[in-house]
C-alpha atoms as a PDB file:
ATOM      1  CA  MET A   1      -9.127  17.538  -9.323  1.00  0.00           C
ATOM      2  CA  ASN A   2      -6.033  16.246  -7.560  1.00  0.00           C
ATOM      3  CA  ILE A   3      -6.587  12.682  -6.402  1.00  0.00           C
ATOM      4  CA  ARG A   4      -3.661  12.739  -3.969  1.00  0.00           C
ATOM      5  CA  ASN A   5      -4.966  15.868  -2.249  1.00  0.00           C
ATOM      6  CA  ASP A   6      -8.497  14.450  -2.148  1.00  0.00           C
ATOM      7  CA  CYS A   7      -7.190  11.250  -0.536  1.00  0.00           C
ATOM      8  CA  ILE A   8      -5.233  13.282   2.016  1.00  0.00           C
ATOM      9  CA  GLU A   9      -8.350  15.297   2.809  1.00  0.00           C
ATOM     10  CA  ILE A  10     -10.326  12.095   3.416  1.00  0.00           C
ATOM     11  CA  LEU A  11      -7.531  10.639   5.543  1.00  0.00           C
ATOM     12  CA  SER A  12      -7.319  13.830   7.611  1.00  0.00           C
ATOM     13  CA  GLY A  13     -10.770  13.063   8.991  1.00  0.00           C
ATOM     14  CA  ILE A  14      -9.826   9.478   9.780  1.00  0.00           C
ATOM     15  CA  LEU A  15      -6.263   9.626  11.108  1.00  0.00           C
ATOM     16  CA  VAL A  16      -6.884  11.668  14.239  1.00  0.00           C
ATOM     17  CA  GLN A  17      -3.860  10.877  16.433  1.00  0.00           C
ATOM     18  CA  ASP A  18      -1.051  13.456  16.488  1.00  0.00           C
ATOM     19  CA  GLY A  19       1.439  12.890  13.688  1.00  0.00           C
ATOM     20  CA  GLU A  20      -0.439  10.069  11.941  1.00  0.00           C
ATOM     21  CA  LEU A  21      -1.489  11.995   8.853  1.00  0.00           C
ATOM     22  CA  GLU A  22       1.976  13.523   8.484  1.00  0.00           C
ATOM     23  CA  ALA A  23       3.592  10.083   8.771  1.00  0.00           C
ATOM     24  CA  VAL A  24       1.303   8.640   6.085  1.00  0.00           C
ATOM     25  CA  VAL A  25       1.801  11.631   3.767  1.00  0.00           C
ATOM     26  CA  ASN A  26       5.565  11.152   4.163  1.00  0.00           C
ATOM     27  CA  GLY A  27       5.337   7.526   3.003  1.00  0.00           C
ATOM     28  CA  GLY A  28       4.463   5.656   6.175  1.00  0.00           C
ATOM     29  CA  PRO A  29       2.109   2.656   6.073  1.00  0.00           C
ATOM     30  CA  LEU A  30      -1.602   3.207   6.671  1.00  0.00           C
ATOM     31  CA  PHE A  31      -2.203  -0.053   8.518  1.00  0.00           C
ATOM     32  CA  SER A  32       0.325   0.688  11.250  1.00  0.00           C
ATOM     33  CA  THR A  33      -1.300   3.905  12.489  1.00  0.00           C
ATOM     34  CA  ALA A  34      -3.043   3.740  15.869  1.00  0.00           C
ATOM     35  CA  SER A  35      -6.308   5.089  14.436  1.00  0.00           C
ATOM     36  CA  PHE A  36      -6.483   2.532  11.627  1.00  0.00           C
ATOM     37  CA  ASP A  37      -8.767  -0.317  12.648  1.00  0.00           C
ATOM     38  CA  SER A  38     -11.590  -2.240  10.938  1.00  0.00           C
ATOM     39  CA  LEU A  39     -14.148   0.537  11.475  1.00  0.00           C
ATOM     40  CA  THR A  40     -11.697   3.096  10.125  1.00  0.00           C
ATOM     41  CA  LEU A  41     -11.161   0.921   7.067  1.00  0.00           C
ATOM     42  CA  VAL A  42     -14.911   0.748   6.415  1.00  0.00           C
ATOM     43  CA  ASN A  43     -15.245   4.527   6.818  1.00  0.00           C
ATOM     44  CA  LEU A  44     -12.326   5.100   4.459  1.00  0.00           C
ATOM     45  CA  ILE A  45     -13.768   2.764   1.840  1.00  0.00           C
ATOM     46  CA  VAL A  46     -17.177   4.440   1.979  1.00  0.00           C
ATOM     47  CA  ALA A  47     -15.624   7.908   1.748  1.00  0.00           C
ATOM     48  CA  LEU A  48     -13.462   6.922  -1.229  1.00  0.00           C
ATOM     49  CA  GLU A  49     -16.319   5.188  -3.042  1.00  0.00           C
ATOM     50  CA  ASN A  50     -18.554   8.226  -2.553  1.00  0.00           C
ATOM     51  CA  LYS A  51     -15.905  10.803  -3.482  1.00  0.00           C
ATOM     52  CA  PHE A  52     -14.714   9.029  -6.615  1.00  0.00           C
ATOM     53  CA  SER A  53     -17.933   7.213  -7.649  1.00  0.00           C
ATOM     54  CA  MET A  54     -16.291   3.797  -7.726  1.00  0.00           C
ATOM     55  CA  GLN A  55     -16.427   0.385  -6.063  1.00  0.00           C
ATOM     56  CA  ILE A  56     -13.408  -0.971  -4.203  1.00  0.00           C
ATOM     57  CA  ASP A  57     -12.747  -4.694  -4.536  1.00  0.00           C
ATOM     58  CA  SER A  58     -12.223  -6.327  -1.128  1.00  0.00           C
ATOM     59  CA  ASP A  59      -9.657  -8.727  -2.611  1.00  0.00           C
ATOM     60  CA  ASP A  60      -7.306  -5.785  -3.095  1.00  0.00           C
ATOM     61  CA  PHE A  61      -7.532  -4.212   0.383  1.00  0.00           C
ATOM     62  CA  GLU A  62      -4.033  -5.056   1.570  1.00  0.00           C
ATOM     63  CA  SER A  63      -2.333  -3.738  -1.557  1.00  0.00           C
ATOM     64  CA  ILE A  64      -4.608  -0.687  -1.884  1.00  0.00           C
ATOM     65  CA  PHE A  65      -4.293   0.515   1.681  1.00  0.00           C
ATOM     66  CA  GLY A  66      -0.595  -0.173   2.209  1.00  0.00           C
ATOM     67  CA  SER A  67       0.387   3.472   1.778  1.00  0.00           C
ATOM     68  CA  LEU A  68      -0.904   6.771   0.465  1.00  0.00           C
ATOM     69  CA  GLY A  69       0.945   6.121  -2.799  1.00  0.00           C
ATOM     70  CA  SER A  70      -0.718   2.753  -3.359  1.00  0.00           C
ATOM     71  CA  LEU A  71      -4.106   4.249  -2.499  1.00  0.00           C
ATOM     72  CA  VAL A  72      -3.660   7.108  -4.972  1.00  0.00           C
ATOM     73  CA  SER A  73      -2.450   4.720  -7.693  1.00  0.00           C
ATOM     74  CA  TYR A  74      -5.492   2.495  -7.185  1.00  0.00           C
ATOM     75  CA  VAL A  75      -7.935   5.424  -7.351  1.00  0.00           C
ATOM     76  CA  GLU A  76      -6.215   6.754 -10.483  1.00  0.00           C
ATOM     77  CA  SER A  77      -6.440   3.366 -12.162  1.00  0.00           C
ATOM     78  CA  ARG A  78     -10.115   2.950 -11.252  1.00  0.00           C
ATOM     79  CA  THR A  79     -11.169   6.455 -12.264  1.00  0.00           C
ATOM     80  CA  GLY A  80      -8.992   6.833 -15.373  1.00  0.00           C
ATOM     81  CA  ARG A  81      -7.403  10.030 -14.080  1.00  0.00           C
END
């Protein structure tokens, strides 16, 4: 299993505006995309928790969802992979 690729797959269903996914994959911030709002955040959290069988702490949202890299690092640390 490749956590980065799994995260990208999840994001591909959430970041629906042209160029958003590519921008995030290339290091752009998640929170600045047009598709990323509070409902998107909830959907992303649920998808990640289901995919990786983990709970995401709400205190860490800003640091977790800053970029794809920070998201992948968080999932790796929580899953031990």
